[in-house]
Amino acid sequence: MLEGLDRINWATLTHAHGEATNVPQLLRSLLSENAEVRMEAFAELHEHIWYQGTVFPASAAAVPFLYELLTN
C-alpha cells in the first residue's frame, strides 16, 4: 500500500504552509492502528492540502494515495 509515495519529489510541491515534505508521513499515519494518530494526521492533511477550500500542487499528488487508502 502507498507504493510510489517516495517516488514523488514532495520538496518541489507546496501546500498551504510551504513545502509538502510532511505529506508522505501524514499519509502513512492514516494507516496507524492508533485512532488518535489517524485523526491527527487527517486533520493536519486537511489543513495542509485543502486549506479553506483551496487546493495546492501537493493536493493533486496526494489524491491517488487518499483514494487508495479509501478503497482498502
PDB file of N, CA and C in Angstrom:
ATOM      1  N   MET A   1       0.847  -1.177   0.000  1.00  0.00           N
ATOM      2  CA  MET A   1       0.000   0.000   0.000  1.00  0.00           C
ATOM      3  C   MET A   1       0.893   1.241   0.000  1.00  0.00           C
ATOM      4  N   LEU A   2       0.412   2.266  -0.631  1.00  0.00           N
ATOM      5  CA  LEU A   2       1.106   3.546  -0.783  1.00  0.00           C
ATOM      6  C   LEU A   2       2.393   3.416  -1.593  1.00  0.00           C
ATOM      7  N   GLU A   3       2.391   2.435  -2.496  1.00  0.00           N
ATOM      8  CA  GLU A   3       3.547   2.292  -3.380  1.00  0.00           C
ATOM      9  C   GLU A   3       3.671   3.544  -4.235  1.00  0.00           C
ATOM     10  N   GLY A   4       4.864   3.971  -4.458  1.00  0.00           N
ATOM     11  CA  GLY A   4       5.102   5.161  -5.260  1.00  0.00           C
ATOM     12  C   GLY A   4       5.130   6.448  -4.469  1.00  0.00           C
ATOM     13  N   LEU A   5       4.791   6.379  -3.204  1.00  0.00           N
ATOM     14  CA  LEU A   5       4.758   7.582  -2.375  1.00  0.00           C
ATOM     15  C   LEU A   5       6.127   8.257  -2.315  1.00  0.00           C
ATOM     16  N   ASP A   6       7.172   7.462  -2.240  1.00  0.00           N
ATOM     17  CA  ASP A   6       8.518   8.024  -2.139  1.00  0.00           C
ATOM     18  C   ASP A   6       9.126   8.383  -3.491  1.00  0.00           C
ATOM     19  N   ARG A   7       8.441   8.061  -4.570  1.00  0.00           N
ATOM     20  CA  ARG A   7       8.943   8.440  -5.891  1.00  0.00           C
ATOM     21  C   ARG A   7       8.586   9.883  -6.238  1.00  0.00           C
ATOM     22  N   ILE A   8       7.701  10.463  -5.479  1.00  0.00           N
ATOM     23  CA  ILE A   8       7.305  11.851  -5.715  1.00  0.00           C
ATOM     24  C   ILE A   8       8.267  12.765  -4.974  1.00  0.00           C
ATOM     25  N   ASN A   9       8.724  13.796  -5.649  1.00  0.00           N
ATOM     26  CA  ASN A   9       9.619  14.763  -5.017  1.00  0.00           C
ATOM     27  C   ASN A   9       8.755  15.798  -4.287  1.00  0.00           C
ATOM     28  N   TRP A  10       8.370  15.473  -3.075  1.00  0.00           N
ATOM     29  CA  TRP A  10       7.456  16.313  -2.298  1.00  0.00           C
ATOM     30  C   TRP A  10       8.052  17.678  -1.994  1.00  0.00           C
ATOM     31  N   ALA A  11       9.372  17.780  -1.976  1.00  0.00           N
ATOM     32  CA  ALA A  11      10.027  19.067  -1.693  1.00  0.00           C
ATOM     33  C   ALA A  11       9.777  20.084  -2.798  1.00  0.00           C
ATOM     34  N   THR A  12       9.422  19.606  -3.982  1.00  0.00           N
ATOM     35  CA  THR A  12       9.144  20.534  -5.086  1.00  0.00           C
ATOM     36  C   THR A  12       7.675  20.943  -5.140  1.00  0.00           C
ATOM     37  N   LEU A  13       6.856  20.293  -4.310  1.00  0.00           N
ATOM     38  CA  LEU A  13       5.434  20.603  -4.254  1.00  0.00           C
ATOM     39  C   LEU A  13       5.138  21.454  -3.027  1.00  0.00           C
ATOM     40  N   THR A  14       4.083  22.221  -3.114  1.00  0.00           N
ATOM     41  CA  THR A  14       3.710  23.067  -1.981  1.00  0.00           C
ATOM     42  C   THR A  14       2.286  22.763  -1.528  1.00  0.00           C
ATOM     43  N   HIS A  15       2.047  23.127  -0.280  1.00  0.00           N
ATOM     44  CA  HIS A  15       0.701  23.088   0.278  1.00  0.00           C
ATOM     45  C   HIS A  15       0.475  24.411   1.007  1.00  0.00           C
ATOM     46  N   ALA A  16      -0.529  24.503   1.808  1.00  0.00           N
ATOM     47  CA  ALA A  16      -0.905  25.774   2.433  1.00  0.00           C
ATOM     48  C   ALA A  16       0.186  26.376   3.314  1.00  0.00           C
ATOM     49  N   HIS A  17       1.098  25.550   3.772  1.00  0.00           N
ATOM     50  CA  HIS A  17       2.121  26.042   4.699  1.00  0.00           C
ATOM     51  C   HIS A  17       3.540  25.863   4.166  1.00  0.00           C
ATOM     52  N   GLY A  18       3.689  25.776   2.851  1.00  0.00           N
ATOM     53  CA  GLY A  18       5.028  25.689   2.267  1.00  0.00           C
ATOM     54  C   GLY A  18       5.300  24.346   1.616  1.00  0.00           C
ATOM     55  N   GLU A  19       6.550  23.902   1.733  1.00  0.00           N
ATOM     56  CA  GLU A  19       6.961  22.633   1.125  1.00  0.00           C
ATOM     57  C   GLU A  19       6.123  21.479   1.665  1.00  0.00           C
ATOM     58  N   ALA A  20       5.847  20.540   0.803  1.00  0.00           N
ATOM     59  CA  ALA A  20       4.977  19.418   1.161  1.00  0.00           C
ATOM     60  C   ALA A  20       5.743  18.190   1.640  1.00  0.00           C
ATOM     61  N   THR A  21       6.902  18.391   2.212  1.00  0.00           N
ATOM     62  CA  THR A  21       7.727  17.259   2.628  1.00  0.00           C
ATOM     63  C   THR A  21       7.098  16.440   3.760  1.00  0.00           C
ATOM     64  N   ASN A  22       6.128  16.988   4.460  1.00  0.00           N
ATOM     65  CA  ASN A  22       5.482  16.248   5.550  1.00  0.00           C
ATOM     66  C   ASN A  22       4.316  15.380   5.072  1.00  0.00           C
ATOM     67  N   VAL A  23       3.892  15.540   3.850  1.00  0.00           N
ATOM     68  CA  VAL A  23       2.715  14.819   3.354  1.00  0.00           C
ATOM     69  C   VAL A  23       2.910  13.302   3.354  1.00  0.00           C
ATOM     70  N   PRO A  24       4.042  12.756   2.928  1.00  0.00           N
ATOM     71  CA  PRO A  24       4.180  11.288   2.948  1.00  0.00           C
ATOM     72  C   PRO A  24       3.986  10.697   4.346  1.00  0.00           C
ATOM     73  N   GLN A  25       4.564  11.322   5.355  1.00  0.00           N
ATOM     74  CA  GLN A  25       4.404  10.792   6.710  1.00  0.00           C
ATOM     75  C   GLN A  25       2.968  10.916   7.190  1.00  0.00           C
ATOM     76  N   LEU A  26       2.304  11.997   6.832  1.00  0.00           N
ATOM     77  CA  LEU A  26       0.906  12.152   7.216  1.00  0.00           C
ATOM     78  C   LEU A  26       0.044  11.074   6.558  1.00  0.00           C
ATOM     79  N   LEU A  27       0.307  10.793   5.296  1.00  0.00           N
ATOM     80  CA  LEU A  27      -0.436   9.732   4.613  1.00  0.00           C
ATOM     81  C   LEU A  27      -0.174   8.375   5.256  1.00  0.00           C
ATOM     82  N   ARG A  28       1.063   8.109   5.602  1.00  0.00           N
ATOM     83  CA  ARG A  28       1.386   6.843   6.275  1.00  0.00           C
ATOM     84  C   ARG A  28       0.714   6.756   7.644  1.00  0.00           C
ATOM     85  N   SER A  29       0.608   7.885   8.304  1.00  0.00           N
ATOM     86  CA  SER A  29      -0.027   7.896   9.625  1.00  0.00           C
ATOM     87  C   SER A  29      -1.501   7.532   9.557  1.00  0.00           C
ATOM     88  N   LEU A  30      -2.113   7.693   8.399  1.00  0.00           N
ATOM     89  CA  LEU A  30      -3.508   7.292   8.246  1.00  0.00           C
ATOM     90  C   LEU A  30      -3.685   5.776   8.344  1.00  0.00           C
ATOM     91  N   LEU A  31      -2.596   5.042   8.274  1.00  0.00           N
ATOM     92  CA  LEU A  31      -2.627   3.581   8.408  1.00  0.00           C
ATOM     93  C   LEU A  31      -2.358   3.118   9.839  1.00  0.00           C
ATOM     94  N   SER A  32      -2.134   4.042  10.736  1.00  0.00           N
ATOM     95  CA  SER A  32      -1.813   3.701  12.114  1.00  0.00           C
ATOM     96  C   SER A  32      -2.938   2.912  12.770  1.00  0.00           C
ATOM     97  N   GLU A  33      -2.570   2.021  13.644  1.00  0.00           N
ATOM     98  CA  GLU A  33      -3.561   1.293  14.429  1.00  0.00           C
ATOM     99  C   GLU A  33      -4.161   2.181  15.514  1.00  0.00           C
ATOM    100  N   ASN A  34      -3.479   3.260  15.836  1.00  0.00           N
ATOM    101  CA  ASN A  34      -3.914   4.186  16.869  1.00  0.00           C
ATOM    102  C   ASN A  34      -4.882   5.206  16.266  1.00  0.00           C
ATOM    103  N   ALA A  35      -6.109   5.199  16.728  1.00  0.00           N
ATOM    104  CA  ALA A  35      -7.139   6.092  16.184  1.00  0.00           C
ATOM    105  C   ALA A  35      -6.777   7.563  16.361  1.00  0.00           C
ATOM    106  N   GLU A  36      -6.148   7.899  17.459  1.00  0.00           N
ATOM    107  CA  GLU A  36      -5.770   9.298  17.698  1.00  0.00           C
ATOM    108  C   GLU A  36      -4.725   9.762  16.682  1.00  0.00           C
ATOM    109  N   VAL A  37      -3.770   8.912  16.381  1.00  0.00           N
ATOM    110  CA  VAL A  37      -2.749   9.226  15.380  1.00  0.00           C
ATOM    111  C   VAL A  37      -3.409   9.438  14.024  1.00  0.00           C
ATOM    112  N   ARG A  38      -4.347   8.561  13.674  1.00  0.00           N
ATOM    113  CA  ARG A  38      -5.059   8.702  12.392  1.00  0.00           C
ATOM    114  C   ARG A  38      -5.830  10.011  12.321  1.00  0.00           C
ATOM    115  N   MET A  39      -6.526  10.350  13.374  1.00  0.00           N
ATOM    116  CA  MET A  39      -7.336  11.576  13.376  1.00  0.00           C
ATOM    117  C   MET A  39      -6.458  12.827  13.308  1.00  0.00           C
ATOM    118  N   GLU A  40      -5.337  12.820  14.010  1.00  0.00           N
ATOM    119  CA  GLU A  40      -4.409  13.954  13.951  1.00  0.00           C
ATOM    120  C   GLU A  40      -3.837  14.104  12.544  1.00  0.00           C
ATOM    121  N   ALA A  41      -3.475  12.992  11.925  1.00  0.00           N
ATOM    122  CA  ALA A  41      -2.939  13.033  10.562  1.00  0.00           C
ATOM    123  C   ALA A  41      -3.991  13.542   9.586  1.00  0.00           C
ATOM    124  N   PHE A  42      -5.218  13.073   9.746  1.00  0.00           N
ATOM    125  CA  PHE A  42      -6.298  13.520   8.873  1.00  0.00           C
ATOM    126  C   PHE A  42      -6.522  15.029   9.014  1.00  0.00           C
ATOM    127  N   ALA A  43      -6.560  15.516  10.237  1.00  0.00           N
ATOM    128  CA  ALA A  43      -6.771  16.949  10.473  1.00  0.00           C
ATOM    129  C   ALA A  43      -5.638  17.774   9.889  1.00  0.00           C
ATOM    130  N   GLU A  44      -4.415  17.311  10.065  1.00  0.00           N
ATOM    131  CA  GLU A  44      -3.270  18.056   9.539  1.00  0.00           C
ATOM    132  C   GLU A  44      -3.238  18.020   8.012  1.00  0.00           C
ATOM    133  N   LEU A  45      -3.536  16.881   7.434  1.00  0.00           N
ATOM    134  CA  LEU A  45      -3.609  16.801   5.971  1.00  0.00           C
ATOM    135  C   LEU A  45      -4.668  17.755   5.431  1.00  0.00           C
ATOM    136  N   HIS A  46      -5.815  17.757   6.066  1.00  0.00           N
ATOM    137  CA  HIS A  46      -6.896  18.644   5.643  1.00  0.00           C
ATOM    138  C   HIS A  46      -6.439  20.092   5.668  1.00  0.00           C
ATOM    139  N   GLU A  47      -5.763  20.479   6.733  1.00  0.00           N
ATOM    140  CA  GLU A  47      -5.286  21.859   6.863  1.00  0.00           C
ATOM    141  C   GLU A  47      -4.219  22.193   5.828  1.00  0.00           C
ATOM    142  N   HIS A  48      -3.416  21.232   5.472  1.00  0.00           N
ATOM    143  CA  HIS A  48      -2.307  21.494   4.562  1.00  0.00           C
ATOM    144  C   HIS A  48      -2.686  21.395   3.081  1.00  0.00           C
ATOM    145  N   ILE A  49      -3.487  20.395   2.707  1.00  0.00           N
ATOM    146  CA  ILE A  49      -3.727  20.198   1.274  1.00  0.00           C
ATOM    147  C   ILE A  49      -5.085  20.689   0.796  1.00  0.00           C
ATOM    148  N   TRP A  50      -5.935  21.129   1.711  1.00  0.00           N
ATOM    149  CA  TRP A  50      -7.238  21.677   1.314  1.00  0.00           C
ATOM    150  C   TRP A  50      -7.624  22.806   2.254  1.00  0.00           C
ATOM    151  N   TYR A  51      -6.711  23.731   2.451  1.00  0.00           N
ATOM    152  CA  TYR A  51      -6.880  24.822   3.403  1.00  0.00           C
ATOM    153  C   TYR A  51      -7.933  25.807   2.915  1.00  0.00           C
ATOM    154  N   GLN A  52      -8.989  25.957   3.677  1.00  0.00           N
ATOM    155  CA  GLN A  52     -10.092  26.866   3.371  1.00  0.00           C
ATOM    156  C   GLN A  52     -10.614  26.660   1.947  1.00  0.00           C
ATOM    157  N   GLY A  53     -10.655  25.410   1.528  1.00  0.00           N
ATOM    158  CA  GLY A  53     -11.189  25.080   0.213  1.00  0.00           C
ATOM    159  C   GLY A  53     -10.227  25.286  -0.935  1.00  0.00           C
ATOM    160  N   THR A  54      -9.012  25.685  -0.638  1.00  0.00           N
ATOM    161  CA  THR A  54      -8.011  25.902  -1.676  1.00  0.00           C
ATOM    162  C   THR A  54      -7.204  24.627  -1.873  1.00  0.00           C
ATOM    163  N   VAL A  55      -6.942  24.281  -3.116  1.00  0.00           N
ATOM    164  CA  VAL A  55      -6.089  23.137  -3.407  1.00  0.00           C
ATOM    165  C   VAL A  55      -4.719  23.634  -3.867  1.00  0.00           C
ATOM    166  N   PHE A  56      -3.744  22.792  -3.711  1.00  0.00           N
ATOM    167  CA  PHE A  56      -2.348  23.137  -3.975  1.00  0.00           C
ATOM    168  C   PHE A  56      -1.713  22.028  -4.807  1.00  0.00           C
ATOM    169  N   PRO A  57      -0.503  22.239  -5.321  1.00  0.00           N
ATOM    170  CA  PRO A  57       0.154  21.170  -6.073  1.00  0.00           C
ATOM    171  C   PRO A  57       0.243  19.855  -5.280  1.00  0.00           C
ATOM    172  N   ALA A  58       0.482  19.941  -3.987  1.00  0.00           N
ATOM    173  CA  ALA A  58       0.553  18.726  -3.170  1.00  0.00           C
ATOM    174  C   ALA A  58      -0.801  18.049  -3.043  1.00  0.00           C
ATOM    175  N   SER A  59      -1.864  18.808  -3.178  1.00  0.00           N
ATOM    176  CA  SER A  59      -3.213  18.233  -3.092  1.00  0.00           C
ATOM    177  C   SER A  59      -3.407  17.211  -4.203  1.00  0.00           C
ATOM    178  N   ALA A  60      -3.082  17.609  -5.412  1.00  0.00           N
ATOM    179  CA  ALA A  60      -3.243  16.715  -6.562  1.00  0.00           C
ATOM    180  C   ALA A  60      -2.371  15.475  -6.424  1.00  0.00           C
ATOM    181  N   ALA A  61      -1.167  15.636  -5.911  1.00  0.00           N
ATOM    182  CA  ALA A  61      -0.267  14.494  -5.753  1.00  0.00           C
ATOM    183  C   ALA A  61      -0.759  13.541  -4.665  1.00  0.00           C
ATOM    184  N   ALA A  62      -1.444  14.060  -3.664  1.00  0.00           N
ATOM    185  CA  ALA A  62      -1.921  13.232  -2.552  1.00  0.00           C
ATOM    186  C   ALA A  62      -3.188  12.458  -2.885  1.00  0.00           C
ATOM    187  N   VAL A  63      -3.987  12.949  -3.812  1.00  0.00           N
ATOM    188  CA  VAL A  63      -5.293  12.344  -4.104  1.00  0.00           C
ATOM    189  C   VAL A  63      -5.208  10.858  -4.454  1.00  0.00           C
ATOM    190  N   PRO A  64      -4.313  10.416  -5.323  1.00  0.00           N
ATOM    191  CA  PRO A  64      -4.281   8.971  -5.629  1.00  0.00           C
ATOM    192  C   PRO A  64      -4.018   8.109  -4.396  1.00  0.00           C
ATOM    193  N   PHE A  65      -3.217   8.610  -3.481  1.00  0.00           N
ATOM    194  CA  PHE A  65      -2.913   7.851  -2.274  1.00  0.00           C
ATOM    195  C   PHE A  65      -4.105   7.858  -1.317  1.00  0.00           C
ATOM    196  N   LEU A  66      -4.797   8.966  -1.231  1.00  0.00           N
ATOM    197  CA  LEU A  66      -6.009   9.024  -0.415  1.00  0.00           C
ATOM    198  C   LEU A  66      -7.062   8.065  -0.976  1.00  0.00           C
ATOM    199  N   TYR A  67      -7.192   8.037  -2.277  1.00  0.00           N
ATOM    200  CA  TYR A  67      -8.134   7.127  -2.919  1.00  0.00           C
ATOM    201  C   TYR A  67      -7.759   5.672  -2.604  1.00  0.00           C
ATOM    202  N   GLU A  68      -6.480   5.373  -2.695  1.00  0.00           N
ATOM    203  CA  GLU A  68      -6.017   4.011  -2.391  1.00  0.00           C
ATOM    204  C   GLU A  68      -6.367   3.645  -0.957  1.00  0.00           C
ATOM    205  N   LEU A  69      -6.161   4.569  -0.037  1.00  0.00           N
ATOM    206  CA  LEU A  69      -6.480   4.305   1.363  1.00  0.00           C
ATOM    207  C   LEU A  69      -7.976   4.071   1.551  1.00  0.00           C
ATOM    208  N   LEU A  70      -8.779   4.825   0.840  1.00  0.00           N
ATOM    209  CA  LEU A  70     -10.234   4.670   0.964  1.00  0.00           C
ATOM    210  C   LEU A  70     -10.742   3.343   0.409  1.00  0.00           C
ATOM    211  N   THR A  71     -10.086   2.854  -0.616  1.00  0.00           N
ATOM    212  CA  THR A  71     -10.558   1.637  -1.253  1.00  0.00           C
ATOM    213  C   THR A  71     -10.072   0.360  -0.548  1.00  0.00           C
ATOM    214  N   ASN A  72      -9.224   0.523   0.429  1.00  0.00           N
ATOM    215  CA  ASN A  72      -8.716  -0.666   1.153  1.00  0.00           C
ATOM    216  C   ASN A  72      -9.346  -0.767   2.502  1.00  0.00           C
TER     217      ASN A  72
END
